[in-house]
Amino acid sequence: MGLKDLPEPALKISVGNNMKRNLSPALKQQGFTLIELMMTITIAIILLSLAVPSFKSFIDSQKLQTTALEFYSAVNMTRAEAIKRGAQVTIAANDGSSWTSGWTVFVDQNNNARPEPKETIVMTRDELAKGIEVSSTMSDNALPYLSYTGNGRGRTNANSQSPQAGTVSFQLGTAIRRVKVNFLGRVRICNPATDLNTCDDNKEGD
């Protein structure tokens, strides 16, 4: 007796059973076993653990680069304002002891490298992000400051004929950026990891 000879209800049951038998192996292959799932999760965790340090290093490098560029721009602004005003303009640490507190550019009328109430403030930068360390090696390293006279040359507090030159280094983790000021007052930014011969920490700023 073939399928055509079966009554209609029997035909439906027979076809239904055949479909279930045919689909069962395919359905079983669509899922993951517990072991396969655990292996996938383990591999994902390993890959993530390898990627996180590299990503953090990249973020630190970008954060440091941005901070160093801000300082570089502020020093150039200090020089430009001194030339424009024909007067001494200074950039100094906000707290008078560390560049990590941020900095202020101002017209330094009494040449003391500290902004006074009656002196004109050009710009102020707030405290740096946590973790960033700043050190400096300058001609006059008594205070964190850079002063420019009206001719665009740097000077120290002690002597207007003595240029304030040197290096300000920014560090976050293993990343370092340096802002260098030469005896003519010109400023540049460099990376010691790539500028091996011209980015050392010295008082000349070259």
N, C-alpha and C. Protein backbone atom coordinates (compact mmCIF):
# COMPACT_ATOMS: atom_id res chain seq x y z
N MET A 1 0.87 -1.20 0.00
CA MET A 1 0.00 0.00 0.00
C MET A 1 0.90 1.24 0.00
N GLY A 2 0.73 2.16 -0.92
CA GLY A 2 1.51 3.39 -0.97
C GLY A 2 0.82 4.51 -0.24
N LEU A 3 1.48 5.69 -0.26
CA LEU A 3 0.90 6.86 0.42
C LEU A 3 -0.41 7.28 -0.22
N LYS A 4 -0.54 7.07 -1.52
CA LYS A 4 -1.78 7.47 -2.19
C LYS A 4 -2.96 6.66 -1.71
N ASP A 5 -2.70 5.39 -1.29
CA ASP A 5 -3.78 4.50 -0.87
C ASP A 5 -4.21 4.73 0.58
N LEU A 6 -3.42 5.55 1.33
CA LEU A 6 -3.76 5.79 2.74
C LEU A 6 -4.87 6.82 2.83
N PRO A 7 -5.71 6.71 3.86
CA PRO A 7 -6.71 7.76 4.10
C PRO A 7 -6.01 9.08 4.42
N GLU A 8 -6.68 10.19 4.23
CA GLU A 8 -6.07 11.52 4.42
C GLU A 8 -5.48 11.74 5.79
N PRO A 9 -6.15 11.40 6.93
CA PRO A 9 -5.55 11.57 8.26
C PRO A 9 -4.27 10.77 8.41
N ALA A 10 -4.26 9.55 7.94
CA ALA A 10 -3.07 8.70 8.04
C ALA A 10 -1.94 9.28 7.22
N LEU A 11 -2.27 9.86 6.03
CA LEU A 11 -1.26 10.46 5.18
C LEU A 11 -0.57 11.62 5.88
N LYS A 12 -1.34 12.48 6.59
CA LYS A 12 -0.78 13.62 7.30
C LYS A 12 0.17 13.17 8.41
N ILE A 13 -0.26 12.10 9.15
CA ILE A 13 0.58 11.61 10.25
C ILE A 13 1.87 11.04 9.71
N SER A 14 1.79 10.31 8.60
CA SER A 14 2.97 9.69 8.02
C SER A 14 3.94 10.73 7.51
N VAL A 15 3.44 11.74 6.81
CA VAL A 15 4.31 12.81 6.30
C VAL A 15 4.94 13.59 7.44
N GLY A 16 4.14 13.86 8.49
CA GLY A 16 4.65 14.59 9.66
C GLY A 16 5.78 13.86 10.33
N ASN A 17 5.65 12.56 10.51
CA ASN A 17 6.69 11.75 11.14
C ASN A 17 7.96 11.74 10.31
N ASN A 18 7.78 11.65 8.96
CA ASN A 18 8.95 11.66 8.08
C ASN A 18 9.71 12.98 8.18
N MET A 19 9.01 14.15 8.28
CA MET A 19 9.64 15.46 8.39
C MET A 19 10.40 15.59 9.69
N LYS A 20 9.81 15.07 10.78
CA LYS A 20 10.49 15.13 12.08
C LYS A 20 11.78 14.35 12.05
N ARG A 21 11.73 13.15 11.42
CA ARG A 21 12.93 12.33 11.36
C ARG A 21 14.02 12.99 10.51
N ASN A 22 13.60 13.68 9.44
CA ASN A 22 14.57 14.33 8.55
C ASN A 22 15.16 15.59 9.15
N LEU A 23 14.39 16.34 9.96
CA LEU A 23 14.85 17.62 10.50
C LEU A 23 15.67 17.46 11.77
N SER A 24 15.44 16.40 12.49
CA SER A 24 16.10 16.24 13.79
C SER A 24 17.62 16.37 13.73
N PRO A 25 18.34 15.68 12.79
CA PRO A 25 19.80 15.82 12.74
C PRO A 25 20.24 17.24 12.45
N ALA A 26 19.51 17.94 11.57
CA ALA A 26 19.89 19.32 11.23
C ALA A 26 19.73 20.25 12.42
N LEU A 27 18.62 20.07 13.16
CA LEU A 27 18.39 20.92 14.32
C LEU A 27 19.46 20.70 15.39
N LYS A 28 19.90 19.47 15.53
CA LYS A 28 20.92 19.18 16.54
C LYS A 28 22.24 19.87 16.21
N GLN A 29 22.52 20.13 14.92
CA GLN A 29 23.79 20.72 14.52
C GLN A 29 23.80 22.24 14.58
N GLN A 30 22.64 22.86 14.84
CA GLN A 30 22.56 24.32 14.83
C GLN A 30 23.06 24.95 16.12
N GLY A 31 23.12 24.28 17.24
CA GLY A 31 23.52 24.84 18.51
C GLY A 31 24.97 24.56 18.84
N PHE A 32 25.44 25.10 20.02
CA PHE A 32 26.79 24.86 20.52
C PHE A 32 26.70 23.93 21.73
N THR A 33 27.68 23.10 21.85
CA THR A 33 27.78 22.32 23.08
C THR A 33 28.35 23.20 24.16
N LEU A 34 28.23 22.80 25.40
CA LEU A 34 28.74 23.58 26.53
C LEU A 34 30.26 23.74 26.43
N ILE A 35 30.95 22.71 25.98
CA ILE A 35 32.41 22.77 25.86
C ILE A 35 32.81 23.79 24.79
N GLU A 36 32.10 23.78 23.66
CA GLU A 36 32.40 24.75 22.60
C GLU A 36 32.16 26.17 23.07
N LEU A 37 31.09 26.38 23.80
CA LEU A 37 30.77 27.71 24.32
C LEU A 37 31.84 28.19 25.29
N MET A 38 32.30 27.32 26.18
CA MET A 38 33.33 27.69 27.15
C MET A 38 34.66 28.01 26.45
N MET A 39 34.97 27.25 25.40
CA MET A 39 36.20 27.52 24.65
C MET A 39 36.13 28.86 23.96
N THR A 40 34.97 29.19 23.41
CA THR A 40 34.79 30.49 22.74
C THR A 40 34.96 31.65 23.72
N ILE A 41 34.36 31.51 24.90
CA ILE A 41 34.46 32.56 25.92
C ILE A 41 35.91 32.71 26.38
N THR A 42 36.60 31.59 26.56
CA THR A 42 38.00 31.63 27.02
C THR A 42 38.89 32.35 26.00
N ILE A 43 38.71 32.03 24.72
CA ILE A 43 39.50 32.69 23.68
C ILE A 43 39.21 34.19 23.64
N ALA A 44 37.94 34.55 23.80
CA ALA A 44 37.56 35.97 23.79
C ALA A 44 38.20 36.72 24.95
N ILE A 45 38.25 36.09 26.13
CA ILE A 45 38.87 36.72 27.30
C ILE A 45 40.35 36.92 27.07
N ILE A 46 41.03 35.91 26.50
CA ILE A 46 42.47 36.02 26.23
C ILE A 46 42.75 37.16 25.25
N LEU A 47 41.97 37.23 24.18
CA LEU A 47 42.17 38.30 23.19
C LEU A 47 41.92 39.67 23.80
N LEU A 48 40.90 39.77 24.65
CA LEU A 48 40.59 41.04 25.30
C LEU A 48 41.70 41.46 26.24
N SER A 49 42.26 40.50 26.99
CA SER A 49 43.33 40.82 27.93
C SER A 49 44.58 41.30 27.21
N LEU A 50 44.78 40.83 25.98
CA LEU A 50 45.93 41.28 25.19
C LEU A 50 45.69 42.66 24.60
N ALA A 51 44.44 42.96 24.29
CA ALA A 51 44.13 44.23 23.64
C ALA A 51 44.06 45.40 24.61
N VAL A 52 43.62 45.16 25.85
CA VAL A 52 43.41 46.24 26.81
C VAL A 52 44.69 47.03 27.09
N PRO A 53 45.84 46.39 27.40
CA PRO A 53 47.06 47.17 27.65
C PRO A 53 47.46 48.04 26.47
N SER A 54 47.35 47.50 25.25
CA SER A 54 47.70 48.26 24.06
C SER A 54 46.78 49.46 23.89
N PHE A 55 45.50 49.27 24.15
CA PHE A 55 44.54 50.35 24.02
C PHE A 55 44.81 51.43 25.07
N LYS A 56 45.11 51.02 26.30
CA LYS A 56 45.42 51.97 27.37
C LYS A 56 46.68 52.77 27.02
N SER A 57 47.68 52.10 26.48
CA SER A 57 48.91 52.78 26.09
C SER A 57 48.63 53.81 25.00
N PHE A 58 47.74 53.47 24.08
CA PHE A 58 47.37 54.41 23.01
C PHE A 58 46.66 55.63 23.58
N ILE A 59 45.72 55.40 24.50
CA ILE A 59 44.98 56.50 25.12
C ILE A 59 45.93 57.41 25.90
N ASP A 60 46.85 56.82 26.67
CA ASP A 60 47.82 57.60 27.44
C ASP A 60 48.68 58.46 26.51
N SER A 61 49.12 57.86 25.42
CA SER A 61 49.96 58.58 24.47
C SER A 61 49.23 59.78 23.88
N GLN A 62 47.96 59.60 23.52
CA GLN A 62 47.18 60.69 22.95
C GLN A 62 46.90 61.79 23.97
N LYS A 63 46.61 61.37 25.21
CA LYS A 63 46.36 62.35 26.27
C LYS A 63 47.62 63.18 26.55
N LEU A 64 48.76 62.51 26.56
CA LEU A 64 50.03 63.21 26.82
C LEU A 64 50.37 64.15 25.67
N GLN A 65 50.16 63.67 24.44
CA GLN A 65 50.44 64.50 23.27
C GLN A 65 49.60 65.77 23.30
N THR A 66 48.34 65.64 23.65
CA THR A 66 47.44 66.79 23.71
C THR A 66 47.91 67.80 24.76
N THR A 67 48.31 67.30 25.93
CA THR A 67 48.77 68.19 27.01
C THR A 67 50.05 68.92 26.61
N ALA A 68 50.99 68.18 26.03
CA ALA A 68 52.24 68.80 25.60
C ALA A 68 52.01 69.84 24.52
N LEU A 69 51.09 69.57 23.60
CA LEU A 69 50.76 70.53 22.55
C LEU A 69 50.12 71.79 23.12
N GLU A 70 49.30 71.63 24.16
CA GLU A 70 48.69 72.78 24.81
C GLU A 70 49.77 73.67 25.43
N PHE A 71 50.75 73.05 26.09
CA PHE A 71 51.83 73.82 26.69
C PHE A 71 52.67 74.50 25.61
N TYR A 72 52.99 73.76 24.58
CA TYR A 72 53.74 74.30 23.44
C TYR A 72 53.04 75.53 22.87
N SER A 73 51.73 75.42 22.66
CA SER A 73 50.96 76.54 22.12
C SER A 73 50.95 77.73 23.08
N ALA A 74 50.87 77.44 24.38
CA ALA A 74 50.85 78.51 25.38
C ALA A 74 52.18 79.26 25.41
N VAL A 75 53.29 78.53 25.26
CA VAL A 75 54.61 79.19 25.23
C VAL A 75 54.72 80.07 23.99
N ASN A 76 54.26 79.56 22.84
CA ASN A 76 54.27 80.38 21.63
C ASN A 76 53.39 81.61 21.78
N MET A 77 52.26 81.46 22.46
CA MET A 77 51.39 82.61 22.72
C MET A 77 52.10 83.63 23.60
N THR A 78 52.82 83.14 24.59
CA THR A 78 53.56 84.04 25.49
C THR A 78 54.55 84.89 24.71
N ARG A 79 55.27 84.26 23.82
CA ARG A 79 56.25 84.98 23.01
C ARG A 79 55.58 85.98 22.08
N ALA A 80 54.49 85.55 21.44
CA ALA A 80 53.78 86.43 20.50
C ALA A 80 53.20 87.65 21.22
N GLU A 81 52.65 87.43 22.42
CA GLU A 81 52.09 88.54 23.19
C GLU A 81 53.17 89.52 23.62
N ALA A 82 54.34 89.01 23.96
CA ALA A 82 55.45 89.89 24.36
C ALA A 82 55.87 90.78 23.20
N ILE A 83 55.95 90.19 22.00
CA ILE A 83 56.33 90.97 20.82
C ILE A 83 55.24 91.99 20.49
N LYS A 84 53.99 91.55 20.56
CA LYS A 84 52.88 92.45 20.23
C LYS A 84 52.78 93.62 21.19
N ARG A 85 52.98 93.36 22.48
CA ARG A 85 52.83 94.39 23.50
C ARG A 85 54.12 95.17 23.74
N GLY A 86 55.25 94.64 23.25
CA GLY A 86 56.54 95.29 23.52
C GLY A 86 56.85 95.31 25.00
N ALA A 87 56.42 94.26 25.70
CA ALA A 87 56.61 94.19 27.15
C ALA A 87 56.91 92.75 27.55
N GLN A 88 57.34 92.59 28.80
CA GLN A 88 57.63 91.24 29.28
C GLN A 88 56.33 90.49 29.55
N VAL A 89 56.22 89.30 28.97
CA VAL A 89 55.08 88.42 29.19
C VAL A 89 55.62 87.08 29.66
N THR A 90 54.96 86.52 30.66
CA THR A 90 55.45 85.31 31.31
C THR A 90 54.38 84.22 31.33
N ILE A 91 54.83 82.98 31.22
CA ILE A 91 53.97 81.83 31.49
C ILE A 91 54.54 81.15 32.73
N ALA A 92 53.68 80.93 33.71
CA ALA A 92 54.15 80.36 34.98
C ALA A 92 53.14 79.35 35.50
N ALA A 93 53.64 78.43 36.32
CA ALA A 93 52.76 77.43 36.95
C ALA A 93 51.76 78.11 37.86
N ASN A 94 50.53 77.63 37.87
CA ASN A 94 49.47 78.27 38.65
C ASN A 94 49.78 78.34 40.14
N ASP A 95 50.37 77.26 40.67
CA ASP A 95 50.67 77.25 42.11
C ASP A 95 52.08 77.72 42.43
N GLY A 96 52.84 78.10 41.41
CA GLY A 96 54.19 78.61 41.64
C GLY A 96 55.24 77.55 41.90
N SER A 97 54.85 76.27 41.82
CA SER A 97 55.84 75.23 42.13
C SER A 97 55.83 74.06 41.14
N SER A 98 54.73 73.82 40.44
CA SER A 98 54.68 72.67 39.54
C SER A 98 53.78 72.95 38.34
N TRP A 99 54.25 72.54 37.16
CA TRP A 99 53.45 72.71 35.95
C TRP A 99 52.20 71.84 35.98
N THR A 100 52.17 70.82 36.82
CA THR A 100 50.98 69.96 36.89
C THR A 100 49.75 70.72 37.40
N SER A 101 49.97 71.85 38.05
CA SER A 101 48.85 72.67 38.53
C SER A 101 48.21 73.49 37.42
N GLY A 102 48.80 73.39 36.20
CA GLY A 102 48.33 74.22 35.09
C GLY A 102 49.22 75.44 34.95
N TRP A 103 48.85 76.35 34.07
CA TRP A 103 49.68 77.53 33.85
C TRP A 103 48.86 78.75 33.47
N THR A 104 49.51 79.90 33.65
CA THR A 104 48.88 81.18 33.35
C THR A 104 49.84 82.02 32.53
N VAL A 105 49.34 82.62 31.47
CA VAL A 105 50.12 83.57 30.66
C VAL A 105 49.65 84.97 31.04
N PHE A 106 50.59 85.85 31.38
CA PHE A 106 50.22 87.18 31.88
C PHE A 106 51.31 88.19 31.57
N VAL A 107 50.93 89.48 31.59
CA VAL A 107 51.88 90.57 31.42
C VAL A 107 52.58 90.78 32.75
N ASP A 108 53.86 90.46 32.79
CA ASP A 108 54.62 90.44 34.04
C ASP A 108 55.26 91.81 34.29
N GLN A 109 54.47 92.73 34.83
CA GLN A 109 54.93 94.11 34.97
C GLN A 109 56.06 94.26 35.99
N ASN A 110 56.05 93.44 37.05
CA ASN A 110 57.10 93.58 38.07
C ASN A 110 58.18 92.51 37.97
N ASN A 111 58.14 91.73 36.90
CA ASN A 111 59.18 90.74 36.60
C ASN A 111 59.43 89.73 37.72
N ASN A 112 58.38 89.29 38.38
CA ASN A 112 58.57 88.33 39.48
C ASN A 112 58.04 86.93 39.14
N ALA A 113 57.61 86.76 37.89
CA ALA A 113 57.12 85.45 37.41
C ALA A 113 55.90 84.95 38.17
N ARG A 114 55.15 85.87 38.77
CA ARG A 114 53.90 85.52 39.47
C ARG A 114 52.82 86.52 39.08
N PRO A 115 51.65 86.06 38.65
CA PRO A 115 50.59 86.99 38.28
C PRO A 115 50.04 87.74 39.49
N GLU A 116 50.03 89.06 39.39
CA GLU A 116 49.52 89.91 40.46
C GLU A 116 48.12 90.41 40.08
N PRO A 117 47.35 90.86 41.09
CA PRO A 117 45.96 91.28 40.83
C PRO A 117 45.82 92.34 39.73
N LYS A 118 46.77 93.26 39.61
CA LYS A 118 46.64 94.34 38.64
C LYS A 118 47.28 94.01 37.28
N GLU A 119 47.86 92.85 37.16
CA GLU A 119 48.51 92.46 35.90
C GLU A 119 47.51 91.78 34.97
N THR A 120 47.70 92.01 33.68
CA THR A 120 46.77 91.48 32.67
C THR A 120 46.99 89.98 32.47
N ILE A 121 45.91 89.24 32.59
CA ILE A 121 45.94 87.79 32.35
C ILE A 121 45.56 87.53 30.89
N VAL A 122 46.42 86.84 30.17
CA VAL A 122 46.17 86.52 28.76
C VAL A 122 45.37 85.22 28.65
N MET A 123 45.79 84.20 29.35
CA MET A 123 45.06 82.92 29.35
C MET A 123 45.49 82.09 30.55
N THR A 124 44.62 81.15 30.92
CA THR A 124 44.89 80.24 32.04
C THR A 124 44.48 78.83 31.66
N ARG A 125 45.33 77.90 32.04
CA ARG A 125 45.03 76.47 31.82
C ARG A 125 44.92 75.80 33.18
N ASP A 126 43.85 75.04 33.39
CA ASP A 126 43.62 74.41 34.68
C ASP A 126 44.57 73.24 34.93
N GLU A 127 44.43 72.64 36.09
CA GLU A 127 45.27 71.52 36.51
C GLU A 127 45.25 70.39 35.48
N LEU A 128 46.41 69.75 35.32
CA LEU A 128 46.53 68.66 34.36
C LEU A 128 45.82 67.41 34.84
N ALA A 129 45.57 66.50 33.91
CA ALA A 129 44.91 65.24 34.24
C ALA A 129 45.78 64.43 35.21
N LYS A 130 45.13 63.66 36.06
CA LYS A 130 45.85 62.86 37.04
C LYS A 130 46.76 61.85 36.34
N GLY A 131 47.93 61.67 36.91
CA GLY A 131 48.88 60.71 36.35
C GLY A 131 49.96 61.34 35.51
N ILE A 132 49.70 62.55 34.98
CA ILE A 132 50.71 63.23 34.17
C ILE A 132 51.75 63.88 35.08
N GLU A 133 53.00 63.58 34.85
CA GLU A 133 54.11 64.15 35.61
C GLU A 133 54.88 65.13 34.73
N VAL A 134 55.35 66.22 35.35
CA VAL A 134 56.08 67.24 34.60
C VAL A 134 57.38 67.56 35.33
N SER A 135 58.48 67.59 34.60
CA SER A 135 59.77 68.00 35.14
C SER A 135 60.40 68.99 34.18
N SER A 136 61.30 69.81 34.67
CA SER A 136 61.92 70.81 33.80
C SER A 136 63.40 70.95 34.13
N THR A 137 64.15 71.24 33.09
CA THR A 137 65.58 71.53 33.21
C THR A 137 65.81 72.84 32.46
N MET A 138 65.88 73.94 33.20
CA MET A 138 65.96 75.27 32.60
C MET A 138 67.21 76.01 33.07
N SER A 139 67.53 77.11 32.40
CA SER A 139 68.65 77.95 32.82
C SER A 139 68.45 78.42 34.25
N ASP A 140 67.23 78.89 34.54
CA ASP A 140 66.83 79.25 35.90
C ASP A 140 65.73 78.28 36.31
N ASN A 141 66.08 77.33 37.16
CA ASN A 141 65.14 76.28 37.53
C ASN A 141 64.54 76.51 38.92
N ALA A 142 64.69 77.74 39.44
CA ALA A 142 64.18 78.02 40.79
C ALA A 142 62.66 77.96 40.83
N LEU A 143 62.03 78.45 39.74
CA LEU A 143 60.58 78.44 39.64
C LEU A 143 60.18 77.92 38.27
N PRO A 144 58.99 77.34 38.14
CA PRO A 144 58.52 76.90 36.82
C PRO A 144 57.92 78.09 36.05
N TYR A 145 58.72 78.70 35.18
CA TYR A 145 58.26 79.84 34.40
C TYR A 145 59.09 79.97 33.13
N LEU A 146 58.53 80.71 32.18
CA LEU A 146 59.24 81.14 30.98
C LEU A 146 58.83 82.57 30.72
N SER A 147 59.81 83.46 30.56
CA SER A 147 59.52 84.87 30.32
C SER A 147 60.12 85.32 29.00
N TYR A 148 59.38 86.20 28.32
CA TYR A 148 59.85 86.77 27.05
C TYR A 148 59.81 88.29 27.14
N THR A 149 60.82 88.91 26.55
CA THR A 149 60.85 90.37 26.46
C THR A 149 60.18 90.81 25.17
N GLY A 150 60.09 92.12 24.96
CA GLY A 150 59.38 92.65 23.80
C GLY A 150 60.01 92.29 22.47
N ASN A 151 61.28 91.88 22.46
CA ASN A 151 61.92 91.49 21.20
C ASN A 151 61.78 90.00 20.91
N GLY A 152 61.01 89.29 21.76
CA GLY A 152 60.76 87.87 21.53
C GLY A 152 61.82 86.94 22.06
N ARG A 153 62.76 87.50 22.81
CA ARG A 153 63.81 86.66 23.40
C ARG A 153 63.42 86.26 24.81
N GLY A 154 63.82 85.05 25.19
CA GLY A 154 63.58 84.62 26.55
C GLY A 154 64.53 85.28 27.52
N ARG A 155 64.13 85.35 28.79
CA ARG A 155 64.98 85.95 29.82
C ARG A 155 64.69 85.29 31.16
N THR A 156 65.68 85.36 32.04
CA THR A 156 65.47 84.86 33.39
C THR A 156 65.08 86.02 34.30
N ASN A 157 64.57 85.70 35.48
CA ASN A 157 64.23 86.75 36.44
C ASN A 157 65.46 87.48 36.93
N ALA A 158 66.56 86.76 37.02
CA ALA A 158 67.78 87.35 37.58
C ALA A 158 68.42 88.36 36.64
N ASN A 159 68.33 88.10 35.33
CA ASN A 159 69.06 88.96 34.39
C ASN A 159 68.34 88.97 33.05
N SER A 160 67.98 90.16 32.57
CA SER A 160 67.27 90.27 31.31
C SER A 160 68.14 89.85 30.12
N GLN A 161 69.47 89.83 30.32
CA GLN A 161 70.38 89.44 29.26
C GLN A 161 70.67 87.94 29.27
N SER A 162 70.19 87.26 30.30
CA SER A 162 70.41 85.82 30.41
C SER A 162 69.15 85.09 29.93
N PRO A 163 69.24 84.32 28.84
CA PRO A 163 68.05 83.68 28.29
C PRO A 163 67.56 82.51 29.15
N GLN A 164 66.25 82.39 29.23
CA GLN A 164 65.64 81.26 29.93
C GLN A 164 65.41 80.16 28.89
N ALA A 165 66.31 79.20 28.85
CA ALA A 165 66.24 78.12 27.87
C ALA A 165 66.25 76.79 28.59
N GLY A 166 65.82 75.75 27.87
CA GLY A 166 65.85 74.43 28.48
C GLY A 166 64.74 73.53 27.98
N THR A 167 64.36 72.56 28.83
CA THR A 167 63.43 71.51 28.43
C THR A 167 62.37 71.28 29.51
N VAL A 168 61.13 71.17 29.10
CA VAL A 168 60.04 70.78 30.00
C VAL A 168 59.52 69.43 29.51
N SER A 169 59.56 68.43 30.39
CA SER A 169 59.20 67.06 30.01
C SER A 169 57.87 66.66 30.63
N PHE A 170 57.01 66.08 29.81
CA PHE A 170 55.71 65.57 30.25
C PHE A 170 55.73 64.04 30.13
N GLN A 171 55.27 63.36 31.19
CA GLN A 171 55.29 61.90 31.17
C GLN A 171 54.00 61.34 31.73
N LEU A 172 53.50 60.30 31.06
CA LEU A 172 52.32 59.55 31.50
C LEU A 172 52.58 58.08 31.20
N GLY A 173 52.75 57.28 32.24
CA GLY A 173 53.13 55.89 32.03
C GLY A 173 54.53 55.84 31.44
N THR A 174 54.67 55.17 30.32
CA THR A 174 55.97 55.08 29.67
C THR A 174 56.13 56.12 28.56
N ALA A 175 55.06 56.85 28.25
CA ALA A 175 55.10 57.84 27.18
C ALA A 175 55.70 59.15 27.68
N ILE A 176 56.52 59.80 26.86
CA ILE A 176 57.17 61.06 27.20
C ILE A 176 57.08 62.01 26.01
N ARG A 177 56.78 63.27 26.29
CA ARG A 177 56.87 64.33 25.30
C ARG A 177 57.66 65.49 25.93
N ARG A 178 58.45 66.15 25.12
CA ARG A 178 59.26 67.25 25.63
C ARG A 178 59.04 68.52 24.82
N VAL A 179 58.95 69.63 25.53
CA VAL A 179 58.87 70.95 24.91
C VAL A 179 60.20 71.63 25.19
N LYS A 180 60.89 72.03 24.12
CA LYS A 180 62.24 72.58 24.24
C LYS A 180 62.26 74.03 23.78
N VAL A 181 62.93 74.86 24.56
CA VAL A 181 63.07 76.29 24.25
C VAL A 181 64.55 76.60 24.12
N ASN A 182 64.97 77.13 22.95
CA ASN A 182 66.39 77.41 22.77
C ASN A 182 66.74 78.82 23.24
N PHE A 183 68.00 79.19 23.09
CA PHE A 183 68.47 80.48 23.62
C PHE A 183 67.86 81.67 22.89
N LEU A 184 67.31 81.45 21.70
CA LEU A 184 66.66 82.53 20.97
C LEU A 184 65.18 82.65 21.36
N GLY A 185 64.71 81.73 22.17
CA GLY A 185 63.32 81.77 22.61
C GLY A 185 62.39 80.94 21.74
N ARG A 186 62.94 80.29 20.73
CA ARG A 186 62.11 79.48 19.85
C ARG A 186 61.79 78.15 20.54
N VAL A 187 60.57 77.68 20.29
CA VAL A 187 60.07 76.50 21.01
C VAL A 187 59.71 75.40 20.02
N ARG A 188 59.92 74.17 20.42
CA ARG A 188 59.52 73.02 19.62
C ARG A 188 59.11 71.88 20.55
N ILE A 189 58.39 70.91 19.99
CA ILE A 189 57.94 69.75 20.75
C ILE A 189 58.54 68.50 20.11
N CYS A 190 58.92 67.52 20.93
CA CYS A 190 59.54 66.33 20.39
C CYS A 190 59.19 65.10 21.23
N ASN A 191 59.45 63.94 20.63
CA ASN A 191 59.19 62.65 21.26
C ASN A 191 60.51 61.89 21.36
N PRO A 192 61.03 61.68 22.57
CA PRO A 192 62.34 61.01 22.71
C PRO A 192 62.35 59.58 22.18
N ALA A 193 61.18 58.97 22.05
CA ALA A 193 61.12 57.60 21.55
C ALA A 193 61.44 57.54 20.06
N THR A 194 61.19 58.63 19.34
CA THR A 194 61.47 58.66 17.90
C THR A 194 62.57 59.65 17.54
N ASP A 195 62.72 60.74 18.32
CA ASP A 195 63.78 61.72 18.06
C ASP A 195 64.96 61.41 18.99
N LEU A 196 65.68 60.35 18.67
CA LEU A 196 66.70 59.85 19.59
C LEU A 196 67.84 60.83 19.80
N ASN A 197 68.19 61.62 18.79
CA ASN A 197 69.37 62.47 18.86
C ASN A 197 69.08 63.92 19.22
N THR A 198 67.82 64.33 19.14
CA THR A 198 67.51 65.75 19.34
C THR A 198 66.45 66.01 20.40
N CYS A 199 66.16 65.00 21.23
CA CYS A 199 65.10 65.19 22.22
C CYS A 199 65.55 64.78 23.62
N ASP A 200 66.82 65.03 23.93
CA ASP A 200 67.28 64.72 25.28
C ASP A 200 66.89 65.84 26.24
N ASP A 201 67.02 65.57 27.51
CA ASP A 201 66.63 66.53 28.55
C ASP A 201 67.83 67.39 28.91
N ASN A 202 67.91 68.59 28.31
CA ASN A 202 69.07 69.45 28.57
C ASN A 202 68.65 70.90 28.77
N LYS A 203 69.58 71.72 29.26
CA LYS A 203 69.29 73.13 29.54
C LYS A 203 69.38 74.00 28.30
N GLU A 204 69.98 73.49 27.23
CA GLU A 204 70.15 74.30 26.04
C GLU A 204 68.87 74.40 25.20
N GLY A 205 68.00 73.38 25.31
CA GLY A 205 66.76 73.40 24.54
C GLY A 205 66.95 73.12 23.08
N ASP A 206 68.13 72.65 22.68
CA ASP A 206 68.41 72.36 21.26
C ASP A 206 67.99 70.93 20.94
